[in-house]
Amino acid sequence: MQRSRAEVATDEAGAGEGLRQTWRSWSLWRAWEQWWEGPNGSRRRWTTWCSSSCWWVPLQRGLWLLESALYLLLSLGLCHALFTTGCHLLRSLWPVVAAVWKHLLPALLLMALSALPALLFAASFLLLLSTLLSLLGLLTGMTRPGPVISLNSGLDPGPRPI
């Protein structure tokens, strides 16, 4: 006895719809078929597919992603190398810093303190020089004949006799 076609193509429940596919595999297969059909129903050829940009653009994006990931790993590696090298350098420079603090800092303080009298003398000399120059300007202004220009007209007593 021969079985009918509907009986052969039944699923587990016996519904008679044939083999079921998941919607994901079915939609992927339909998308592939639609792409292969091409525009206006004309089938694509491998030569046109290789010469088009439809396969190159995703590959290029993937390569860009890979390149950016490699650059990120490289920058992280450089940061790690700089950090560990900096730690080793600071650890090895600590005795130098301690020696500078112990010997050079007192020498610098002593030099600054010994230069203090010279700095005070220079400041007093400049103050004396500027005072003398101001007095010289005042004397030359008083001995010169001519009208007196007052900066404050309220205190001006009037013209000065010659």
Protein backbone atom coordinates (compact mmCIF):
# COMPACT_ATOMS: atom_id res chain seq x y z
CA MET A 1 0.00 0.00 0.00
CA GLN A 2 1.36 3.34 -1.03
CA ARG A 3 1.34 6.28 1.41
CA SER A 4 -0.02 9.62 0.37
CA ARG A 5 2.23 12.62 -0.01
CA ALA A 6 0.56 14.50 2.84
CA GLU A 7 1.28 11.61 5.21
CA VAL A 8 4.95 11.49 4.29
CA ALA A 9 5.58 15.23 4.78
CA THR A 10 4.24 15.66 8.28
CA ASP A 11 5.95 17.16 11.27
CA GLU A 12 6.15 15.69 14.75
CA ALA A 13 2.66 16.77 15.61
CA GLY A 14 1.29 15.20 12.44
CA ALA A 15 -0.14 18.46 11.12
CA GLY A 16 0.81 17.76 7.52
CA GLU A 17 2.54 21.08 6.73
CA GLY A 18 5.89 19.55 5.82
CA LEU A 19 9.26 20.23 7.42
CA ARG A 20 9.32 23.44 9.40
CA GLN A 21 12.20 25.88 9.25
CA THR A 22 12.99 28.49 11.82
CA TRP A 23 12.04 32.03 10.82
CA ARG A 24 15.66 33.14 11.13
CA SER A 25 17.05 30.64 8.64
CA TRP A 26 14.07 31.18 6.35
CA SER A 27 14.51 34.99 6.36
CA LEU A 28 18.27 34.67 5.79
CA TRP A 29 17.66 32.31 2.90
CA ARG A 30 15.03 34.65 1.41
CA ALA A 31 17.40 37.63 1.73
CA TRP A 32 20.15 35.66 -0.03
CA GLU A 33 17.75 34.64 -2.81
CA GLN A 34 16.55 38.21 -3.28
CA TRP A 35 20.11 39.48 -3.43
CA TRP A 36 21.13 36.77 -5.91
CA GLU A 37 18.19 37.59 -8.12
CA GLY A 38 19.54 41.10 -8.49
CA PRO A 39 17.79 44.14 -9.92
CA ASN A 40 14.85 43.53 -12.29
CA GLY A 41 14.96 39.79 -11.70
CA SER A 42 18.22 39.26 -13.61
CA ARG A 43 20.49 36.75 -11.89
CA ARG A 44 23.88 37.95 -10.70
CA ARG A 45 27.12 36.57 -12.03
CA TRP A 46 30.27 35.98 -10.04
CA THR A 47 32.22 38.41 -12.22
CA THR A 48 29.78 41.23 -11.58
CA TRP A 49 29.70 40.35 -7.88
CA CYS A 50 33.51 40.49 -7.65
CA SER A 51 33.70 43.78 -9.53
CA SER A 52 30.95 45.44 -7.48
CA SER A 53 31.40 47.11 -4.11
CA CYS A 54 28.79 45.03 -2.30
CA TRP A 55 31.40 42.63 -0.91
CA TRP A 56 34.24 45.15 -0.58
CA VAL A 57 32.48 47.65 1.71
CA PRO A 58 31.71 45.16 4.53
CA LEU A 59 35.22 43.73 4.23
CA GLN A 60 36.69 47.23 4.41
CA ARG A 61 34.59 48.03 7.49
CA GLY A 62 35.74 44.82 9.12
CA LEU A 63 39.36 45.67 8.36
CA TRP A 64 38.86 49.16 9.82
CA LEU A 65 37.38 47.60 12.94
CA LEU A 66 40.32 45.22 13.21
CA GLU A 67 42.79 48.07 12.67
CA SER A 68 41.15 50.25 15.32
CA ALA A 69 41.17 47.33 17.78
CA LEU A 70 44.87 46.80 17.09
CA TYR A 71 45.56 50.52 17.61
CA LEU A 72 43.66 50.38 20.89
CA LEU A 73 45.72 47.39 22.01
CA LEU A 74 48.90 49.17 20.95
CA SER A 75 47.99 52.31 22.91
CA LEU A 76 47.13 50.23 25.97
CA GLY A 77 50.46 48.42 25.65
CA LEU A 78 52.31 51.73 25.36
CA CYS A 79 50.53 53.12 28.41
CA HIS A 80 51.43 50.00 30.36
CA ALA A 81 55.06 50.19 29.23
CA LEU A 82 55.31 53.88 30.12
CA PHE A 83 53.70 53.32 33.50
CA THR A 84 55.96 50.42 34.44
CA THR A 85 59.04 52.21 33.10
CA GLY A 86 58.05 55.35 34.99
CA CYS A 87 57.63 53.35 38.17
CA HIS A 88 61.07 51.79 37.74
CA LEU A 89 62.60 55.18 36.96
CA LEU A 90 61.00 56.79 40.00
CA ARG A 91 62.12 53.91 42.17
CA SER A 92 65.68 54.23 40.89
CA LEU A 93 65.64 58.04 41.12
CA TRP A 94 64.51 58.08 44.75
CA PRO A 95 68.08 57.86 46.13
CA VAL A 96 69.07 60.75 43.87
CA VAL A 97 66.17 62.85 45.15
CA ALA A 98 67.06 61.97 48.75
CA ALA A 99 70.70 62.98 48.16
CA VAL A 100 69.64 66.27 46.58
CA TRP A 101 67.32 66.95 49.50
CA LYS A 102 70.05 66.12 51.99
CA HIS A 103 73.03 67.93 50.42
CA LEU A 104 71.96 70.32 47.68
CA LEU A 105 68.98 71.95 49.39
CA PRO A 106 71.02 73.23 52.36
CA ALA A 107 73.64 74.53 49.93
CA LEU A 108 70.99 76.40 47.96
CA LEU A 109 69.51 77.85 51.16
CA LEU A 110 72.97 78.94 52.36
CA MET A 111 73.67 80.57 49.00
CA ALA A 112 70.36 82.46 49.09
CA LEU A 113 70.99 83.61 52.66
CA SER A 114 74.52 84.73 51.83
CA ALA A 115 73.20 86.67 48.83
CA LEU A 116 70.62 88.46 50.97
CA PRO A 117 72.95 91.29 52.13
CA ALA A 118 74.05 91.94 48.56
CA LEU A 119 70.41 92.07 47.47
CA LEU A 120 69.55 94.48 50.28
CA PHE A 121 72.52 96.68 49.37
CA ALA A 122 71.49 96.72 45.71
CA ALA A 123 67.90 97.61 46.65
CA SER A 124 69.02 100.43 48.95
CA PHE A 125 71.41 101.71 46.27
CA LEU A 126 68.60 101.79 43.70
CA LEU A 127 66.32 103.56 46.18
CA LEU A 128 69.00 106.17 46.93
CA LEU A 129 69.71 106.66 43.21
CA SER A 130 66.04 107.17 42.37
CA THR A 131 65.69 109.65 45.26
CA LEU A 132 68.71 111.63 44.04
CA LEU A 133 67.38 111.71 40.50
CA SER A 134 64.01 112.97 41.75
CA LEU A 135 65.72 115.74 43.77
CA LEU A 136 67.84 116.70 40.77
CA GLY A 137 64.71 116.97 38.65
CA LEU A 138 63.01 119.08 41.29
CA LEU A 139 66.00 121.45 41.58
CA THR A 140 66.33 121.92 37.85
CA GLY A 141 62.61 122.62 37.63
CA MET A 142 62.82 125.25 40.37
CA THR A 143 65.81 127.13 38.92
CA ARG A 144 64.48 127.30 35.40
CA PRO A 145 62.71 130.56 34.54
CA GLY A 146 59.20 130.40 33.19
CA PRO A 147 55.65 129.82 34.27
CA VAL A 148 54.95 127.20 36.88
CA ILE A 149 52.58 124.53 35.71
CA SER A 150 50.50 123.43 38.63
CA LEU A 151 49.04 119.99 38.72
CA ASN A 152 46.47 121.07 41.28
CA SER A 153 44.92 124.41 40.39
CA GLY A 154 43.14 124.75 43.75
CA LEU A 155 46.46 125.09 45.60
CA ASP A 156 48.11 127.38 43.07
CA PRO A 157 48.79 130.81 44.73
CA GLY A 158 49.20 132.57 41.41
CA PRO A 159 52.13 133.68 39.25
CA ARG A 160 55.55 133.61 40.83
CA PRO A 161 57.71 136.75 40.80
CA ILE A 162 60.97 136.51 38.98
